[in-house]
Protein backbone atom coordinates (compact mmCIF):
# COMPACT_ATOMS: atom_id res chain seq x y z
CA MET A 1 -14.62 -77.80 -39.36
CA ASP A 2 -18.04 -78.76 -40.75
CA HIS A 3 -19.79 -76.15 -41.04
CA SER A 4 -21.43 -74.68 -44.18
CA LEU A 5 -19.90 -72.83 -47.19
CA SER A 6 -23.22 -70.58 -46.75
CA ALA A 7 -22.87 -70.10 -43.18
CA GLU A 8 -18.89 -69.40 -43.29
CA SER A 9 -20.07 -66.90 -46.07
CA ALA A 10 -22.71 -65.04 -43.88
CA ILE A 11 -20.31 -64.66 -40.68
CA VAL A 12 -18.06 -63.08 -43.05
CA ASN A 13 -19.87 -60.81 -44.63
CA GLY A 14 -21.51 -59.97 -42.01
CA ARG A 15 -24.88 -61.04 -42.39
CA ARG A 16 -24.86 -63.74 -39.57
CA ALA A 17 -23.94 -63.66 -36.04
CA ILE A 18 -20.81 -65.79 -34.98
CA THR A 19 -22.84 -68.37 -31.83
CA GLU A 20 -21.59 -69.92 -28.76
CA ASP A 21 -21.35 -73.08 -31.54
CA THR A 22 -19.46 -71.11 -33.93
CA ALA A 23 -16.89 -69.64 -31.70
CA MET A 24 -16.23 -73.20 -29.81
CA ARG A 25 -15.72 -74.64 -34.00
CA LEU A 26 -13.53 -71.73 -34.86
CA ALA A 27 -11.41 -71.88 -31.77
CA ARG A 28 -11.17 -75.32 -31.84
CA TYR A 29 -9.91 -75.30 -35.53
CA PHE A 30 -7.59 -72.05 -34.90
CA GLY A 31 -6.24 -72.90 -31.51
CA THR A 32 -7.47 -70.08 -29.93
CA SER A 33 -9.89 -69.29 -26.83
CA PRO A 34 -13.72 -69.26 -28.07
CA ARG A 35 -13.98 -66.45 -25.59
CA TYR A 36 -11.64 -64.42 -28.73
CA ARG A 37 -14.06 -64.89 -31.32
CA TRP A 38 -16.91 -64.13 -28.66
CA ASN A 39 -15.75 -60.93 -28.22
CA LEU A 40 -14.82 -60.39 -31.46
CA GLN A 41 -18.92 -60.46 -32.28
CA ASN A 42 -19.77 -58.48 -29.53
CA ALA A 43 -17.10 -55.71 -30.43
CA TYR A 44 -19.09 -55.61 -33.87
CA ASP A 45 -21.94 -55.79 -32.63
CA LEU A 46 -21.80 -53.28 -30.18
CA GLU A 47 -20.21 -50.71 -32.97
CA ILE A 48 -23.25 -51.73 -35.26
CA GLY A 49 -25.45 -50.62 -32.78
CA ALA A 50 -24.01 -47.46 -31.36
CA GLN A 51 -24.02 -46.26 -35.11
CA GLU A 52 -27.75 -47.12 -35.69
CA ILE A 53 -29.46 -46.63 -32.42
CA GLY A 54 -26.41 -44.44 -30.51
CA PRO A 55 -27.81 -40.55 -31.46
CA ARG A 56 -31.44 -41.97 -30.35
CA ILE A 57 -29.77 -42.63 -26.62
CA GLU A 58 -27.74 -40.04 -27.08
CA ARG A 59 -31.30 -38.01 -27.20
CA ASP A 60 -33.32 -39.92 -24.76
CA VAL A 61 -31.15 -40.99 -21.72
CA LEU A 62 -29.27 -38.85 -19.70
CA PRO A 63 -26.53 -39.19 -17.06
CA ARG A 64 -27.47 -39.55 -13.88
CA ASN A 65 -25.75 -37.16 -11.61
CA ALA A 66 -22.54 -38.35 -9.73
CA ALA A 67 -23.85 -37.93 -5.47
């Protein structure tokens, strides 16, 4: 796949994000779409963000009232 083992290890262990390049390489290798890998990364990022900054956003941002 022409990717270093350290880069792959960092991705698997959550220390490195899947870039566009990596998503395209994984898609080609596994016969899937790049969007599939990209969506997995985005879902992971949102989950981590919800855990790390979700409580602060809940406290600081008030929902807009429906008109």
